[in-house]
Amino acid sequence: MSDSAKETSNRAELRDRIIVKATEAFTLNGIKSITMDDIATSLGISKRTLYEVFEDKETLLKEVVLRNEREQNEFLTTLISESSNVLEVILICFQKSIEVFHNTNKRFFEDLKKYPKVYNMMKNNREKDSESTIAFFKTGVEQGIFRDDVNFAIINLLLHEQFDLLLNTDICNEYPFIEVYESIMFTFIRGIATEKGAQVLEKFIQEYRKNRIERTEHHSSGVTNN
């Protein structure tokens, strides 16, 4: 490998390490509270080196978000190819998103709005994905999972608005975030599901809540033993 190729490889590796470290820091603490100094220090590099790779914090945040979106798309593509119906895909994605929310400081979502370039990019990407989302729902109609008298373009918009409302109101100060999120998702799916789809959903909810209770009890017993 030539010196220039080695330098390019090292720079790409450093760039990747910075994105991974920034993702961890932003997710755990929110965005505003983490400085470029914090990220440089945690990686054992100088602030100057960090700024040579990313010109500012918003540029770095943009790459964090883009990497996350790519990983989500790869997960979804694999899941769709391996699943037997669209509701199964939605419910597995729901479980995965619950894990993400559990591991993400709510301030991360609140802070995103303070970085308009990144926030607007996310909204634009979401709008671009709307067409494929609507087609996905229509596949559910063909599979007998979703009702055929639903305007999925409207449903898609309403669902996005509900999640924006969730992040922009104080409802989670009154109720646990997970409980609110579940209420949105399960009510939404019940509303568009056929009888066949409703049966799949109810079976999932029973198993999901049973597992959640078991995890809670296990966690509680673990705390008690310590």
C-alpha atoms as a PDB file:
ATOM      1  CA  MET A   1       0.000   0.000   0.000  1.00  0.00           C
ATOM      2  CA  SER A   2       1.356   3.404  -0.968  1.00  0.00           C
ATOM      3  CA  ASP A   3       1.779   6.183   1.603  1.00  0.00           C
ATOM      4  CA  SER A   4      -1.130   8.168   0.140  1.00  0.00           C
ATOM      5  CA  ALA A   5      -3.415   5.102   0.169  1.00  0.00           C
ATOM      6  CA  LYS A   6      -2.400   4.336   3.752  1.00  0.00           C
ATOM      7  CA  GLU A   7      -3.104   7.931   4.780  1.00  0.00           C
ATOM      8  CA  THR A   8      -6.535   7.779   3.105  1.00  0.00           C
ATOM      9  CA  SER A   9      -7.291   4.494   4.884  1.00  0.00           C
ATOM     10  CA  ASN A  10      -6.186   5.892   8.258  1.00  0.00           C
ATOM     11  CA  ARG A  11      -8.292   9.007   7.751  1.00  0.00           C
ATOM     12  CA  ALA A  12     -11.361   6.913   6.847  1.00  0.00           C
ATOM     13  CA  GLU A  13     -10.812   4.764   9.950  1.00  0.00           C
ATOM     14  CA  LEU A  14     -10.474   7.870  12.138  1.00  0.00           C
ATOM     15  CA  ARG A  15     -13.618   9.362  10.607  1.00  0.00           C
ATOM     16  CA  ASP A  16     -15.529   6.196  11.415  1.00  0.00           C
ATOM     17  CA  ARG A  17     -14.222   6.136  14.996  1.00  0.00           C
ATOM     18  CA  ILE A  18     -15.291   9.745  15.505  1.00  0.00           C
ATOM     19  CA  ILE A  19     -18.823   9.033  14.222  1.00  0.00           C
ATOM     20  CA  VAL A  20     -19.169   5.964  16.481  1.00  0.00           C
ATOM     21  CA  LYS A  21     -17.929   7.869  19.546  1.00  0.00           C
ATOM     22  CA  ALA A  22     -20.141  10.876  18.800  1.00  0.00           C
ATOM     23  CA  THR A  23     -23.159   8.585  18.384  1.00  0.00           C
ATOM     24  CA  GLU A  24     -22.527   7.053  21.813  1.00  0.00           C
ATOM     25  CA  ALA A  25     -22.031  10.449  23.477  1.00  0.00           C
ATOM     26  CA  PHE A  26     -25.038  12.169  21.859  1.00  0.00           C
ATOM     27  CA  THR A  27     -27.311   9.196  22.553  1.00  0.00           C
ATOM     28  CA  LEU A  28     -26.338   8.958  26.207  1.00  0.00           C
ATOM     29  CA  ASN A  29     -26.184  12.651  27.111  1.00  0.00           C
ATOM     30  CA  GLY A  30     -28.064  14.607  24.460  1.00  0.00           C
ATOM     31  CA  ILE A  31     -26.351  16.756  21.844  1.00  0.00           C
ATOM     32  CA  LYS A  32     -25.999  20.203  23.406  1.00  0.00           C
ATOM     33  CA  SER A  33     -24.137  19.000  26.488  1.00  0.00           C
ATOM     34  CA  ILE A  34     -21.408  17.291  24.431  1.00  0.00           C
ATOM     35  CA  THR A  35     -18.664  19.519  23.031  1.00  0.00           C
ATOM     36  CA  MET A  36     -16.164  18.824  20.276  1.00  0.00           C
ATOM     37  CA  ASP A  37     -13.534  18.944  23.048  1.00  0.00           C
ATOM     38  CA  ASP A  38     -15.335  16.103  24.844  1.00  0.00           C
ATOM     39  CA  ILE A  39     -15.318  13.948  21.714  1.00  0.00           C
ATOM     40  CA  ALA A  40     -11.662  14.666  20.939  1.00  0.00           C
ATOM     41  CA  THR A  41     -10.622  13.886  24.516  1.00  0.00           C
ATOM     42  CA  SER A  42     -12.590  10.611  24.607  1.00  0.00           C
ATOM     43  CA  LEU A  43     -10.810   9.502  21.415  1.00  0.00           C
ATOM     44  CA  GLY A  44      -7.372  10.626  22.588  1.00  0.00           C
ATOM     45  CA  ILE A  45      -6.933  13.005  19.640  1.00  0.00           C
ATOM     46  CA  SER A  46      -6.414  16.756  19.461  1.00  0.00           C
ATOM     47  CA  LYS A  47      -9.273  19.151  18.847  1.00  0.00           C
ATOM     48  CA  ARG A  48      -7.421  20.322  15.748  1.00  0.00           C
ATOM     49  CA  THR A  49      -7.372  16.774  14.330  1.00  0.00           C
ATOM     50  CA  LEU A  50     -11.100  16.472  14.964  1.00  0.00           C
ATOM     51  CA  TYR A  51     -11.811  19.734  13.134  1.00  0.00           C
ATOM     52  CA  GLU A  52      -9.703  18.562  10.194  1.00  0.00           C
ATOM     53  CA  VAL A  53     -12.168  15.687   9.742  1.00  0.00           C
ATOM     54  CA  PHE A  54     -15.408  17.510  10.674  1.00  0.00           C
ATOM     55  CA  GLU A  55     -15.564  21.276  10.311  1.00  0.00           C
ATOM     56  CA  ASP A  56     -18.136  21.731  13.072  1.00  0.00           C
ATOM     57  CA  LYS A  57     -20.472  19.914  15.424  1.00  0.00           C
ATOM     58  CA  GLU A  58     -23.496  20.117  13.127  1.00  0.00           C
ATOM     59  CA  THR A  59     -21.540  18.474  10.294  1.00  0.00           C
ATOM     60  CA  LEU A  60     -20.588  15.662  12.660  1.00  0.00           C
ATOM     61  CA  LEU A  61     -24.190  15.318  13.879  1.00  0.00           C
ATOM     62  CA  LYS A  62     -25.364  15.088  10.271  1.00  0.00           C
ATOM     63  CA  GLU A  63     -23.046  12.138   9.665  1.00  0.00           C
ATOM     64  CA  VAL A  64     -24.238  10.481  12.885  1.00  0.00           C
ATOM     65  CA  VAL A  65     -27.848  10.744  11.697  1.00  0.00           C
ATOM     66  CA  LEU A  66     -27.043   9.567   8.153  1.00  0.00           C
ATOM     67  CA  ARG A  67     -25.160   6.540   9.479  1.00  0.00           C
ATOM     68  CA  ASN A  68     -28.102   5.681  11.720  1.00  0.00           C
ATOM     69  CA  GLU A  69     -30.540   5.981   8.797  1.00  0.00           C
ATOM     70  CA  ARG A  70     -28.367   3.704   6.640  1.00  0.00           C
ATOM     71  CA  GLU A  71     -28.257   1.071   9.389  1.00  0.00           C
ATOM     72  CA  GLN A  72     -32.034   1.279   9.844  1.00  0.00           C
ATOM     73  CA  ASN A  73     -32.594   0.867   6.098  1.00  0.00           C
ATOM     74  CA  GLU A  74     -30.265  -2.141   5.949  1.00  0.00           C
ATOM     75  CA  PHE A  75     -32.059  -3.732   8.927  1.00  0.00           C
ATOM     76  CA  LEU A  76     -35.454  -3.093   7.311  1.00  0.00           C
ATOM     77  CA  THR A  77     -34.393  -4.476   3.914  1.00  0.00           C
ATOM     78  CA  THR A  78     -33.146  -7.699   5.514  1.00  0.00           C
ATOM     79  CA  LEU A  79     -36.237  -7.966   7.705  1.00  0.00           C
ATOM     80  CA  ILE A  80     -38.667  -7.557   4.786  1.00  0.00           C
ATOM     81  CA  SER A  81     -36.856 -10.255   2.797  1.00  0.00           C
ATOM     82  CA  GLU A  82     -37.110 -12.700   5.711  1.00  0.00           C
ATOM     83  CA  SER A  83     -40.637 -11.958   7.003  1.00  0.00           C
ATOM     84  CA  SER A  84     -43.902 -13.588   5.955  1.00  0.00           C
ATOM     85  CA  ASN A  85     -46.158 -10.528   6.318  1.00  0.00           C
ATOM     86  CA  VAL A  86     -45.962  -6.747   6.713  1.00  0.00           C
ATOM     87  CA  LEU A  87     -47.417  -6.687  10.239  1.00  0.00           C
ATOM     88  CA  GLU A  88     -44.598  -8.929  11.403  1.00  0.00           C
ATOM     89  CA  VAL A  89     -42.153  -6.378   9.965  1.00  0.00           C
ATOM     90  CA  ILE A  90     -43.902  -3.467  11.717  1.00  0.00           C
ATOM     91  CA  LEU A  91     -43.996  -5.260  15.072  1.00  0.00           C
ATOM     92  CA  ILE A  92     -40.319  -6.274  14.950  1.00  0.00           C
ATOM     93  CA  CYS A  93     -39.424  -2.676  14.024  1.00  0.00           C
ATOM     94  CA  PHE A  94     -41.549  -1.543  16.971  1.00  0.00           C
ATOM     95  CA  GLN A  95     -39.572  -3.770  19.332  1.00  0.00           C
ATOM     96  CA  LYS A  96     -36.291  -2.487  17.927  1.00  0.00           C
ATOM     97  CA  SER A  97     -37.398   1.133  18.271  1.00  0.00           C
ATOM     98  CA  ILE A  98     -38.373   0.478  21.905  1.00  0.00           C
ATOM     99  CA  GLU A  99     -34.804  -0.700  22.542  1.00  0.00           C
ATOM    100  CA  VAL A 100     -33.456   2.436  20.849  1.00  0.00           C
ATOM    101  CA  PHE A 101     -35.689   4.731  22.915  1.00  0.00           C
ATOM    102  CA  HIS A 102     -34.690   2.898  26.098  1.00  0.00           C
ATOM    103  CA  ASN A 103     -31.039   3.610  25.319  1.00  0.00           C
ATOM    104  CA  THR A 104     -31.471   7.201  24.127  1.00  0.00           C
ATOM    105  CA  ASN A 105     -31.610  10.264  26.349  1.00  0.00           C
ATOM    106  CA  LYS A 106     -34.803  12.194  25.534  1.00  0.00           C
ATOM    107  CA  ARG A 107     -32.671  15.339  25.304  1.00  0.00           C
ATOM    108  CA  PHE A 108     -31.194  13.941  22.088  1.00  0.00           C
ATOM    109  CA  PHE A 109     -34.559  14.331  20.331  1.00  0.00           C
ATOM    110  CA  GLU A 110     -35.178  17.720  21.949  1.00  0.00           C
ATOM    111  CA  ASP A 111     -31.715  18.980  20.977  1.00  0.00           C
ATOM    112  CA  LEU A 112     -32.099  17.897  17.335  1.00  0.00           C
ATOM    113  CA  LYS A 113     -34.474  20.806  16.702  1.00  0.00           C
ATOM    114  CA  LYS A 114     -31.649  23.205  17.632  1.00  0.00           C
ATOM    115  CA  TYR A 115     -29.666  22.047  14.587  1.00  0.00           C
ATOM    116  CA  PRO A 116     -31.962  23.097  11.710  1.00  0.00           C
ATOM    117  CA  LYS A 117     -29.829  21.707   8.860  1.00  0.00           C
ATOM    118  CA  VAL A 118     -29.867  18.219  10.370  1.00  0.00           C
ATOM    119  CA  TYR A 119     -33.476  18.413  11.551  1.00  0.00           C
ATOM    120  CA  ASN A 120     -34.698  19.550   8.108  1.00  0.00           C
ATOM    121  CA  MET A 121     -32.616  16.851   6.413  1.00  0.00           C
ATOM    122  CA  MET A 122     -34.326  14.223   8.568  1.00  0.00           C
ATOM    123  CA  LYS A 123     -37.775  15.623   7.737  1.00  0.00           C
ATOM    124  CA  ASN A 124     -36.956  15.693   4.009  1.00  0.00           C
ATOM    125  CA  ASN A 125     -35.679  12.105   4.091  1.00  0.00           C
ATOM    126  CA  ARG A 126     -38.828  11.039   5.889  1.00  0.00           C
ATOM    127  CA  GLU A 127     -40.994  12.677   3.229  1.00  0.00           C
ATOM    128  CA  LYS A 128     -39.021  10.886   0.494  1.00  0.00           C
ATOM    129  CA  ASP A 129     -39.669   7.585   2.265  1.00  0.00           C
ATOM    130  CA  SER A 130     -43.428   8.208   2.423  1.00  0.00           C
ATOM    131  CA  GLU A 131     -44.096   6.715  -1.027  1.00  0.00           C
ATOM    132  CA  SER A 132     -42.417   3.414  -0.176  1.00  0.00           C
ATOM    133  CA  THR A 133     -44.161   3.376   3.228  1.00  0.00           C
ATOM    134  CA  ILE A 134     -47.577   3.744   1.582  1.00  0.00           C
ATOM    135  CA  ALA A 135     -46.710   0.958  -0.885  1.00  0.00           C
ATOM    136  CA  PHE A 136     -45.690  -1.181   2.095  1.00  0.00           C
ATOM    137  CA  PHE A 137     -49.094  -0.664   3.736  1.00  0.00           C
ATOM    138  CA  LYS A 138     -50.818  -1.572   0.455  1.00  0.00           C
ATOM    139  CA  THR A 139     -48.907  -4.847   0.439  1.00  0.00           C
ATOM    140  CA  GLY A 140     -50.507  -5.464   3.838  1.00  0.00           C
ATOM    141  CA  VAL A 141     -53.924  -4.994   2.214  1.00  0.00           C
ATOM    142  CA  GLU A 142     -53.036  -7.640  -0.402  1.00  0.00           C
ATOM    143  CA  GLN A 143     -51.988  -9.992   2.408  1.00  0.00           C
ATOM    144  CA  GLY A 144     -55.330  -9.512   4.180  1.00  0.00           C
ATOM    145  CA  ILE A 145     -53.632  -7.861   7.156  1.00  0.00           C
ATOM    146  CA  PHE A 146     -54.837  -4.270   6.644  1.00  0.00           C
ATOM    147  CA  ARG A 147     -58.253  -2.915   5.629  1.00  0.00           C
ATOM    148  CA  ASP A 148     -58.772  -1.911   2.003  1.00  0.00           C
ATOM    149  CA  ASP A 149     -60.892   1.164   2.816  1.00  0.00           C
ATOM    150  CA  VAL A 150     -58.059   3.187   4.391  1.00  0.00           C
ATOM    151  CA  ASN A 151     -56.271   6.181   2.848  1.00  0.00           C
ATOM    152  CA  PHE A 152     -52.717   5.249   3.796  1.00  0.00           C
ATOM    153  CA  ALA A 153     -51.287   8.592   2.666  1.00  0.00           C
ATOM    154  CA  ILE A 154     -53.364  10.274   5.389  1.00  0.00           C
ATOM    155  CA  ILE A 155     -52.518   7.543   7.924  1.00  0.00           C
ATOM    156  CA  ASN A 156     -48.809   7.971   7.210  1.00  0.00           C
ATOM    157  CA  LEU A 157     -49.019  11.746   7.760  1.00  0.00           C
ATOM    158  CA  LEU A 158     -51.033  11.349  10.963  1.00  0.00           C
ATOM    159  CA  LEU A 159     -48.558   8.834  12.366  1.00  0.00           C
ATOM    160  CA  HIS A 160     -45.635  11.199  11.747  1.00  0.00           C
ATOM    161  CA  GLU A 161     -47.569  14.059  13.339  1.00  0.00           C
ATOM    162  CA  GLN A 162     -48.274  11.944  16.411  1.00  0.00           C
ATOM    163  CA  PHE A 163     -44.597  11.179  16.903  1.00  0.00           C
ATOM    164  CA  ASP A 164     -43.661  14.844  16.400  1.00  0.00           C
ATOM    165  CA  LEU A 165     -46.285  15.727  19.007  1.00  0.00           C
ATOM    166  CA  LEU A 166     -44.818  13.105  21.332  1.00  0.00           C
ATOM    167  CA  LEU A 167     -41.386  14.748  21.109  1.00  0.00           C
ATOM    168  CA  ASN A 168     -42.684  18.309  21.313  1.00  0.00           C
ATOM    169  CA  THR A 169     -45.039  18.083  24.304  1.00  0.00           C
ATOM    170  CA  ASP A 170     -44.667  17.405  28.029  1.00  0.00           C
ATOM    171  CA  ILE A 171     -46.858  14.299  27.964  1.00  0.00           C
ATOM    172  CA  CYS A 172     -43.864  12.132  28.867  1.00  0.00           C
ATOM    173  CA  ASN A 173     -43.434  14.114  32.081  1.00  0.00           C
ATOM    174  CA  GLU A 174     -46.806  12.725  33.127  1.00  0.00           C
ATOM    175  CA  TYR A 175     -46.644   9.220  31.614  1.00  0.00           C
ATOM    176  CA  PRO A 176     -43.705   6.917  30.846  1.00  0.00           C
ATOM    177  CA  PHE A 177     -42.417   7.395  27.296  1.00  0.00           C
ATOM    178  CA  ILE A 178     -42.757   3.679  26.512  1.00  0.00           C
ATOM    179  CA  GLU A 179     -46.403   3.649  27.602  1.00  0.00           C
ATOM    180  CA  VAL A 180     -47.218   6.637  25.378  1.00  0.00           C
ATOM    181  CA  TYR A 181     -45.337   5.131  22.425  1.00  0.00           C
ATOM    182  CA  GLU A 182     -47.120   1.794  22.836  1.00  0.00           C
ATOM    183  CA  SER A 183     -50.504   3.548  22.967  1.00  0.00           C
ATOM    184  CA  ILE A 184     -49.794   5.333  19.685  1.00  0.00           C
ATOM    185  CA  MET A 185     -48.524   2.217  17.894  1.00  0.00           C
ATOM    186  CA  PHE A 186     -51.094  -0.316  19.078  1.00  0.00           C
ATOM    187  CA  THR A 187     -54.077   2.016  18.627  1.00  0.00           C
ATOM    188  CA  PHE A 188     -52.817   2.928  15.155  1.00  0.00           C
ATOM    189  CA  ILE A 189     -52.425  -0.715  14.049  1.00  0.00           C
ATOM    190  CA  ARG A 190     -55.777  -1.771  15.529  1.00  0.00           C
ATOM    191  CA  GLY A 191     -57.455   0.997  13.537  1.00  0.00           C
ATOM    192  CA  ILE A 192     -56.201  -0.206  10.147  1.00  0.00           C
ATOM    193  CA  ALA A 193     -56.094  -3.967  10.773  1.00  0.00           C
ATOM    194  CA  THR A 194     -58.521  -6.560   9.467  1.00  0.00           C
ATOM    195  CA  GLU A 195     -59.756  -9.301  11.786  1.00  0.00           C
ATOM    196  CA  LYS A 196     -56.806 -11.428  10.658  1.00  0.00           C
ATOM    197  CA  GLY A 197     -54.384  -8.585  11.352  1.00  0.00           C
ATOM    198  CA  ALA A 198     -55.977  -7.881  14.744  1.00  0.00           C
ATOM    199  CA  GLN A 199     -55.427 -11.505  15.781  1.00  0.00           C
ATOM    200  CA  VAL A 200     -51.738 -11.306  14.847  1.00  0.00           C
ATOM    201  CA  LEU A 201     -51.444  -8.028  16.787  1.00  0.00           C
ATOM    202  CA  GLU A 202     -53.177  -9.289  19.941  1.00  0.00           C
ATOM    203  CA  LYS A 203     -50.980 -12.386  20.012  1.00  0.00           C
ATOM    204  CA  PHE A 204     -47.917 -10.172  19.705  1.00  0.00           C
ATOM    205  CA  ILE A 205     -49.115  -7.790  22.460  1.00  0.00           C
ATOM    206  CA  GLN A 206     -49.724 -10.666  24.896  1.00  0.00           C
ATOM    207  CA  GLU A 207     -46.243 -12.087  24.294  1.00  0.00           C
ATOM    208  CA  TYR A 208     -44.626  -8.651  24.311  1.00  0.00           C
ATOM    209  CA  ARG A 209     -46.189  -7.643  27.647  1.00  0.00           C
ATOM    210  CA  LYS A 210     -45.417 -11.019  29.199  1.00  0.00           C
ATOM    211  CA  ASN A 211     -41.753 -10.652  28.236  1.00  0.00           C
ATOM    212  CA  ARG A 212     -41.689  -7.064  29.500  1.00  0.00           C
ATOM    213  CA  ILE A 213     -43.083  -8.109  32.896  1.00  0.00           C
ATOM    214  CA  GLU A 214     -40.515 -10.911  33.108  1.00  0.00           C
ATOM    215  CA  ARG A 215     -37.697  -8.480  32.271  1.00  0.00           C
ATOM    216  CA  THR A 216     -38.968  -6.022  34.887  1.00  0.00           C
ATOM    217  CA  GLU A 217     -39.203  -8.727  37.557  1.00  0.00           C
ATOM    218  CA  HIS A 218     -35.734 -10.012  36.673  1.00  0.00           C
ATOM    219  CA  HIS A 219     -34.324  -6.490  36.891  1.00  0.00           C
ATOM    220  CA  SER A 220     -36.078  -5.893  40.239  1.00  0.00           C
ATOM    221  CA  SER A 221     -34.773  -9.144  41.712  1.00  0.00           C
ATOM    222  CA  GLY A 222     -31.314  -8.251  40.513  1.00  0.00           C
ATOM    223  CA  VAL A 223     -31.501  -4.894  42.269  1.00  0.00           C
ATOM    224  CA  THR A 224     -32.788  -6.557  45.440  1.00  0.00           C
ATOM    225  CA  ASN A 225     -29.918  -9.029  45.511  1.00  0.00           C
ATOM    226  CA  ASN A 226     -27.273  -6.330  45.224  1.00  0.00           C
END
